[in-house]
Amino acid sequence: MQRICAESDSMIRANQARSKAENLSRELPAIASSFDGAIIRSDLAGIVVAWNASAEDLYGYTAQEMIGQPMATVIPERLHEESLRVLQGIAAGKALARYETVRRRKEGTSSRSYLSCPQ
């Protein structure tokens, strides 16, 4: 009986997490369109899944160029390992609050960037 309850609790938590993620996915476009700053969203593999107009202006890549591409495209090579550690932390459930780093624009110049990821 205890095993069934544990499996049931696990399924409930998984369904709640899935529902929360689906709600966020529906809300994100409205948030992104009303925010002046660059909003980039990647999956846990580091593949870009969302890129707003401000990100286009800042980095020089269109959404069409970036969606489906690795975030490494805009990460200076010297910061690739750091970026992987950040993704691993997010995957482990750690929130990321205003993390300062550097990103690379399409024409090669650097841009100071602030990353955040709610838990």
Protein backbone atom coordinates (compact mmCIF):
# COMPACT_ATOMS: atom_id res chain seq x y z
CA MET A 1 0.00 0.00 0.00
CA GLN A 2 2.80 2.43 0.88
CA ARG A 3 4.47 1.83 -2.50
CA ILE A 4 1.25 2.62 -4.35
CA CYS A 5 0.90 5.89 -2.39
CA ALA A 6 4.49 6.85 -3.15
CA GLU A 7 4.00 6.16 -6.87
CA SER A 8 0.73 8.06 -6.79
CA ASP A 9 2.39 11.06 -5.08
CA SER A 10 5.17 10.97 -7.67
CA MET A 11 2.65 10.95 -10.52
CA ILE A 12 0.76 13.86 -8.95
CA ARG A 13 3.97 15.92 -8.60
CA ALA A 14 4.94 15.12 -12.20
CA ASN A 15 1.50 16.19 -13.45
CA GLN A 16 1.65 19.39 -11.40
CA ALA A 17 5.10 20.22 -12.81
CA ARG A 18 3.90 19.51 -16.36
CA SER A 19 0.84 21.71 -15.84
CA LYS A 20 2.99 24.55 -14.46
CA ALA A 21 5.34 24.30 -17.46
CA GLU A 22 2.40 24.32 -19.89
CA ASN A 23 0.92 27.42 -18.21
CA LEU A 24 4.27 29.20 -18.38
CA SER A 25 4.61 28.29 -22.07
CA ARG A 26 1.22 29.87 -22.75
CA GLU A 27 2.04 33.00 -20.73
CA LEU A 28 5.58 33.54 -22.02
CA PRO A 29 4.64 35.06 -25.42
CA ALA A 30 2.52 37.75 -23.74
CA ILE A 31 5.26 38.51 -21.22
CA ALA A 32 7.95 38.58 -23.91
CA SER A 33 6.01 40.90 -26.20
CA SER A 34 5.42 43.46 -23.43
CA PHE A 35 9.01 43.50 -22.13
CA ASP A 36 11.63 45.84 -23.61
CA GLY A 37 14.62 43.62 -22.87
CA ALA A 38 15.95 40.66 -24.77
CA ILE A 39 14.23 37.43 -23.82
CA ILE A 40 15.83 34.21 -24.92
CA ARG A 41 14.61 30.82 -23.80
CA SER A 42 16.52 27.60 -24.25
CA ASP A 43 15.82 24.04 -23.29
CA LEU A 44 18.06 22.14 -20.87
CA ALA A 45 20.18 20.95 -23.78
CA GLY A 46 21.02 24.59 -24.54
CA ILE A 47 18.95 24.81 -27.74
CA VAL A 48 17.16 28.12 -28.35
CA VAL A 49 13.37 27.74 -28.30
CA ALA A 50 12.34 31.42 -28.07
CA TRP A 51 14.01 34.65 -29.23
CA ASN A 52 12.18 37.99 -29.05
CA ALA A 53 12.60 41.16 -31.13
CA SER A 54 14.81 42.81 -28.51
CA ALA A 55 17.16 39.81 -28.67
CA GLU A 56 17.29 40.33 -32.44
CA ASP A 57 18.22 43.98 -31.93
CA LEU A 58 20.83 43.23 -29.27
CA TYR A 59 22.56 40.23 -30.81
CA GLY A 60 21.97 40.79 -34.53
CA TYR A 61 20.45 37.35 -35.18
CA THR A 62 16.82 36.98 -36.19
CA ALA A 63 14.55 34.56 -34.36
CA GLN A 64 14.50 32.48 -37.54
CA GLU A 65 18.30 32.22 -37.43
CA MET A 66 18.46 31.31 -33.74
CA ILE A 67 15.49 29.12 -32.88
CA GLY A 68 16.69 25.53 -33.00
CA GLN A 69 20.34 26.57 -32.75
CA PRO A 70 22.62 26.07 -29.74
CA MET A 71 22.94 28.96 -27.28
CA ALA A 72 26.69 28.47 -27.76
CA THR A 73 26.24 30.58 -30.90
CA VAL A 74 26.15 33.69 -28.70
CA ILE A 75 28.42 32.45 -25.92
CA PRO A 76 32.12 33.27 -26.20
CA GLU A 77 34.12 30.06 -26.37
CA ARG A 78 35.95 30.85 -23.14
CA LEU A 79 32.57 30.74 -21.33
CA HIS A 80 31.20 27.47 -22.76
CA GLU A 81 32.10 25.40 -19.67
CA GLU A 82 30.61 28.01 -17.35
CA SER A 83 27.43 27.96 -19.41
CA LEU A 84 27.21 24.18 -19.11
CA ARG A 85 27.54 24.43 -15.32
CA VAL A 86 24.72 26.98 -15.24
CA LEU A 87 22.47 24.67 -17.29
CA GLN A 88 23.31 21.74 -15.02
CA GLY A 89 22.35 23.82 -11.99
CA ILE A 90 19.03 24.77 -13.58
CA ALA A 91 18.38 21.13 -14.48
CA ALA A 92 19.02 20.24 -10.83
CA GLY A 93 16.31 22.71 -9.79
CA LYS A 94 18.46 25.65 -8.73
CA ALA A 95 17.02 29.09 -9.43
CA LEU A 96 19.24 31.56 -11.24
CA ALA A 97 18.76 35.15 -10.11
CA ARG A 98 20.42 37.92 -12.11
CA TYR A 99 23.57 36.10 -13.15
CA GLU A 100 26.00 38.46 -14.93
CA THR A 101 27.91 37.12 -17.92
CA VAL A 102 29.04 38.06 -21.42
CA ARG A 103 27.47 37.14 -24.74
CA ARG A 104 28.70 37.60 -28.31
CA ARG A 105 26.82 39.52 -30.98
CA LYS A 106 26.60 38.33 -34.57
CA GLU A 107 29.24 40.82 -35.71
CA GLY A 108 31.61 39.59 -33.00
CA THR A 109 31.47 42.27 -30.32
CA SER A 110 30.69 41.43 -26.71
CA SER A 111 27.64 42.39 -24.69
CA ARG A 112 27.25 42.25 -20.92
CA SER A 113 24.18 40.16 -20.20
CA TYR A 114 22.14 39.22 -17.17
CA LEU A 115 20.54 35.81 -17.02
CA SER A 116 17.76 34.64 -14.79
CA CYS A 117 15.71 31.52 -14.49
CA PRO A 118 12.97 31.14 -11.91
CA GLN A 119 12.88 27.88 -10.01
